[in-house]
Amino acid sequence: MSDIFTVEIISPDQSILKQEANEVTIPSYEGQMGILNNHIPLITFLRPGIITIKKTDVKKKFYVEEGTVEFSNNNLLILTSTARDLANFDKALINDLLKKAELQFNNTDTTDKERYVVSYKIETLKEISQ
């Protein structure tokens, strides 16, 4: 029996990735979630973080800020406008995004809910920049 399933990342203007995978880890508001073949059907929201896609010994990682995820019939569909392949992520852009996120976090007009989301963004961007 195969342990492979299909994963697809789609943005509003393009298909970013479509491939087979053995395991995908997604950042959801419920926590880091691992998806394997024959996972129960699922719909959830992404929080800022890193999507890790594994197929045998190869890993691909994508930075996301938001989106939705659906898993059904061994097809994982990730809809997001912010997926960026970490292999092609420019350090200057990371630093720029980090500065903007820190400004938003420290802004007195930022709500607690926005601070909560931005804190994940800051944590992830710091992890990527190391």
C-alpha atoms as a PDB file:
ATOM      1  CA  MET A   1       0.000   0.000   0.000  1.00  0.00           C
ATOM      2  CA  SER A   2       1.334   3.393  -0.986  1.00  0.00           C
ATOM      3  CA  ASP A   3       1.948   6.128   1.585  1.00  0.00           C
ATOM      4  CA  ILE A   4       1.850   8.845  -1.101  1.00  0.00           C
ATOM      5  CA  PHE A   5      -0.761  11.568  -1.470  1.00  0.00           C
ATOM      6  CA  THR A   6      -1.083  14.693  -3.606  1.00  0.00           C
ATOM      7  CA  VAL A   7      -0.347  18.171  -2.274  1.00  0.00           C
ATOM      8  CA  GLU A   8      -1.158  21.364  -4.147  1.00  0.00           C
ATOM      9  CA  ILE A   9      -0.461  24.982  -3.182  1.00  0.00           C
ATOM     10  CA  ILE A  10      -2.526  27.530  -5.087  1.00  0.00           C
ATOM     11  CA  SER A  11      -2.515  31.323  -4.942  1.00  0.00           C
ATOM     12  CA  PRO A  12      -5.184  33.526  -6.556  1.00  0.00           C
ATOM     13  CA  ASP A  13      -3.063  34.065  -9.662  1.00  0.00           C
ATOM     14  CA  GLN A  14      -1.110  30.800 -10.073  1.00  0.00           C
ATOM     15  CA  SER A  15      -0.505  27.214  -9.074  1.00  0.00           C
ATOM     16  CA  ILE A  16       2.641  27.325  -6.919  1.00  0.00           C
ATOM     17  CA  LEU A  17       3.204  23.603  -6.452  1.00  0.00           C
ATOM     18  CA  LYS A  18       1.610  20.280  -7.280  1.00  0.00           C
ATOM     19  CA  GLN A  19       3.434  17.105  -6.322  1.00  0.00           C
ATOM     20  CA  GLU A  20       3.208  13.857  -4.439  1.00  0.00           C
ATOM     21  CA  ALA A  21       4.302  13.715  -0.797  1.00  0.00           C
ATOM     22  CA  ASN A  22       4.764  11.273   2.077  1.00  0.00           C
ATOM     23  CA  GLU A  23       4.159  13.885   4.777  1.00  0.00           C
ATOM     24  CA  VAL A  24       3.215  17.554   5.034  1.00  0.00           C
ATOM     25  CA  THR A  25       3.465  19.705   8.153  1.00  0.00           C
ATOM     26  CA  ILE A  26       1.324  22.839   8.265  1.00  0.00           C
ATOM     27  CA  PRO A  27       1.104  25.737  10.737  1.00  0.00           C
ATOM     28  CA  SER A  28      -2.527  25.918  11.859  1.00  0.00           C
ATOM     29  CA  TYR A  29      -4.120  27.798  14.729  1.00  0.00           C
ATOM     30  CA  GLU A  30      -4.581  24.445  16.451  1.00  0.00           C
ATOM     31  CA  GLY A  31      -0.786  23.968  16.348  1.00  0.00           C
ATOM     32  CA  GLN A  32       1.680  22.311  13.978  1.00  0.00           C
ATOM     33  CA  MET A  33      -0.279  19.640  12.146  1.00  0.00           C
ATOM     34  CA  GLY A  34       1.200  16.629  10.372  1.00  0.00           C
ATOM     35  CA  ILE A  35      -0.697  15.207   7.405  1.00  0.00           C
ATOM     36  CA  LEU A  36      -0.073  11.655   6.199  1.00  0.00           C
ATOM     37  CA  ASN A  37      -1.748   9.434   3.616  1.00  0.00           C
ATOM     38  CA  ASN A  38      -5.333   8.511   4.618  1.00  0.00           C
ATOM     39  CA  HIS A  39      -5.591  11.356   7.169  1.00  0.00           C
ATOM     40  CA  ILE A  40      -9.174  12.075   8.225  1.00  0.00           C
ATOM     41  CA  PRO A  41     -10.907  14.759   6.134  1.00  0.00           C
ATOM     42  CA  LEU A  42      -9.904  18.189   7.374  1.00  0.00           C
ATOM     43  CA  ILE A  43     -10.552  21.876   6.801  1.00  0.00           C
ATOM     44  CA  THR A  44      -8.515  24.429   8.784  1.00  0.00           C
ATOM     45  CA  PHE A  45      -6.925  27.871   8.618  1.00  0.00           C
ATOM     46  CA  LEU A  46      -3.214  28.586   8.305  1.00  0.00           C
ATOM     47  CA  ARG A  47      -1.412  30.930  10.643  1.00  0.00           C
ATOM     48  CA  PRO A  48       1.986  32.481   9.825  1.00  0.00           C
ATOM     49  CA  GLY A  49       4.593  29.733   9.697  1.00  0.00           C
ATOM     50  CA  ILE A  50       6.382  27.181   7.542  1.00  0.00           C
ATOM     51  CA  ILE A  51       4.822  24.422   5.460  1.00  0.00           C
ATOM     52  CA  THR A  52       7.170  21.439   5.144  1.00  0.00           C
ATOM     53  CA  ILE A  53       6.574  18.952   2.337  1.00  0.00           C
ATOM     54  CA  LYS A  54       8.488  15.652   2.485  1.00  0.00           C
ATOM     55  CA  LYS A  55       8.825  13.067  -0.236  1.00  0.00           C
ATOM     56  CA  THR A  56      11.310  10.317   0.631  1.00  0.00           C
ATOM     57  CA  ASP A  57      14.528  12.199   1.520  1.00  0.00           C
ATOM     58  CA  VAL A  58      13.617  15.509  -0.152  1.00  0.00           C
ATOM     59  CA  LYS A  59      12.083  18.399   1.796  1.00  0.00           C
ATOM     60  CA  LYS A  60      10.545  21.587   0.424  1.00  0.00           C
ATOM     61  CA  LYS A  61       9.657  24.445   2.724  1.00  0.00           C
ATOM     62  CA  PHE A  62       7.326  27.386   2.127  1.00  0.00           C
ATOM     63  CA  TYR A  63       6.696  30.483   4.245  1.00  0.00           C
ATOM     64  CA  VAL A  64       2.998  31.383   4.564  1.00  0.00           C
ATOM     65  CA  GLU A  65       1.176  34.142   6.392  1.00  0.00           C
ATOM     66  CA  GLU A  66      -2.401  32.953   6.001  1.00  0.00           C
ATOM     67  CA  GLY A  67      -4.666  30.659   4.039  1.00  0.00           C
ATOM     68  CA  THR A  68      -6.944  27.649   4.194  1.00  0.00           C
ATOM     69  CA  VAL A  69      -6.250  23.943   4.003  1.00  0.00           C
ATOM     70  CA  GLU A  70      -8.486  21.096   2.912  1.00  0.00           C
ATOM     71  CA  PHE A  71      -7.588  17.398   3.012  1.00  0.00           C
ATOM     72  CA  SER A  72      -9.936  14.899   1.448  1.00  0.00           C
ATOM     73  CA  ASN A  73      -9.521  11.665  -0.561  1.00  0.00           C
ATOM     74  CA  ASN A  74      -5.722  11.824  -0.203  1.00  0.00           C
ATOM     75  CA  ASN A  75      -5.568  15.292  -1.781  1.00  0.00           C
ATOM     76  CA  LEU A  76      -4.184  18.183   0.265  1.00  0.00           C
ATOM     77  CA  LEU A  77      -5.203  21.583  -1.090  1.00  0.00           C
ATOM     78  CA  ILE A  78      -3.553  24.703   0.352  1.00  0.00           C
ATOM     79  CA  LEU A  79      -5.007  28.049  -0.705  1.00  0.00           C
ATOM     80  CA  THR A  80      -2.853  31.070   0.163  1.00  0.00           C
ATOM     81  CA  SER A  81      -1.686  34.319  -1.371  1.00  0.00           C
ATOM     82  CA  THR A  82       1.598  34.386   0.548  1.00  0.00           C
ATOM     83  CA  ALA A  83       3.427  31.084  -0.105  1.00  0.00           C
ATOM     84  CA  ARG A  84       7.132  31.694  -0.702  1.00  0.00           C
ATOM     85  CA  ASP A  85       9.652  28.925  -1.350  1.00  0.00           C
ATOM     86  CA  LEU A  86      12.371  29.202   1.335  1.00  0.00           C
ATOM     87  CA  ALA A  87      14.995  28.103  -1.202  1.00  0.00           C
ATOM     88  CA  ASN A  88      14.376  31.378  -3.100  1.00  0.00           C
ATOM     89  CA  PHE A  89      13.588  33.703  -0.180  1.00  0.00           C
ATOM     90  CA  ASP A  90      15.742  36.850  -0.295  1.00  0.00           C
ATOM     91  CA  LYS A  91      17.364  37.903   3.026  1.00  0.00           C
ATOM     92  CA  ALA A  92      16.612  41.580   2.364  1.00  0.00           C
ATOM     93  CA  LEU A  93      12.919  40.775   1.883  1.00  0.00           C
ATOM     94  CA  ILE A  94      12.892  38.712   5.092  1.00  0.00           C
ATOM     95  CA  ASN A  95      14.408  41.613   7.038  1.00  0.00           C
ATOM     96  CA  ASP A  96      11.938  44.067   5.492  1.00  0.00           C
ATOM     97  CA  LEU A  97       8.953  41.845   6.388  1.00  0.00           C
ATOM     98  CA  LEU A  98      10.345  41.413   9.903  1.00  0.00           C
ATOM     99  CA  LYS A  99      10.713  45.186  10.454  1.00  0.00           C
ATOM    100  CA  LYS A 100       7.150  45.810   9.231  1.00  0.00           C
ATOM    101  CA  ALA A 101       5.781  43.056  11.465  1.00  0.00           C
ATOM    102  CA  GLU A 102       7.637  44.411  14.515  1.00  0.00           C
ATOM    103  CA  LEU A 103       6.291  47.921  13.823  1.00  0.00           C
ATOM    104  CA  GLN A 104       2.758  46.528  13.564  1.00  0.00           C
ATOM    105  CA  PHE A 105       3.208  44.542  16.777  1.00  0.00           C
ATOM    106  CA  ASN A 106       4.391  47.638  18.678  1.00  0.00           C
ATOM    107  CA  ASN A 107       1.737  49.958  17.233  1.00  0.00           C
ATOM    108  CA  THR A 108      -0.693  51.051  19.941  1.00  0.00           C
ATOM    109  CA  ASP A 109      -3.616  50.764  17.496  1.00  0.00           C
ATOM    110  CA  THR A 110      -2.959  47.061  16.918  1.00  0.00           C
ATOM    111  CA  THR A 111      -5.591  44.828  18.518  1.00  0.00           C
ATOM    112  CA  ASP A 112      -4.720  41.825  20.679  1.00  0.00           C
ATOM    113  CA  LYS A 113      -5.953  39.507  17.933  1.00  0.00           C
ATOM    114  CA  GLU A 114      -3.663  41.184  15.369  1.00  0.00           C
ATOM    115  CA  ARG A 115      -0.727  41.039  17.833  1.00  0.00           C
ATOM    116  CA  TYR A 116      -1.345  37.314  18.288  1.00  0.00           C
ATOM    117  CA  VAL A 117      -1.112  36.670  14.538  1.00  0.00           C
ATOM    118  CA  VAL A 118       1.841  39.053  14.050  1.00  0.00           C
ATOM    119  CA  SER A 119       3.746  37.335  16.876  1.00  0.00           C
ATOM    120  CA  TYR A 120       3.718  34.091  14.846  1.00  0.00           C
ATOM    121  CA  LYS A 121       4.906  36.024  11.796  1.00  0.00           C
ATOM    122  CA  ILE A 122       7.804  37.597  13.737  1.00  0.00           C
ATOM    123  CA  GLU A 123       8.810  34.254  15.279  1.00  0.00           C
ATOM    124  CA  THR A 124       8.812  32.525  11.872  1.00  0.00           C
ATOM    125  CA  LEU A 125      10.727  35.300  10.096  1.00  0.00           C
ATOM    126  CA  LYS A 126      13.385  35.289  12.839  1.00  0.00           C
ATOM    127  CA  GLU A 127      13.708  31.513  12.461  1.00  0.00           C
ATOM    128  CA  ILE A 128      14.119  31.832   8.679  1.00  0.00           C
ATOM    129  CA  SER A 129      16.678  34.656   8.898  1.00  0.00           C
ATOM    130  CA  GLN A 130      19.116  32.633  11.046  1.00  0.00           C
END
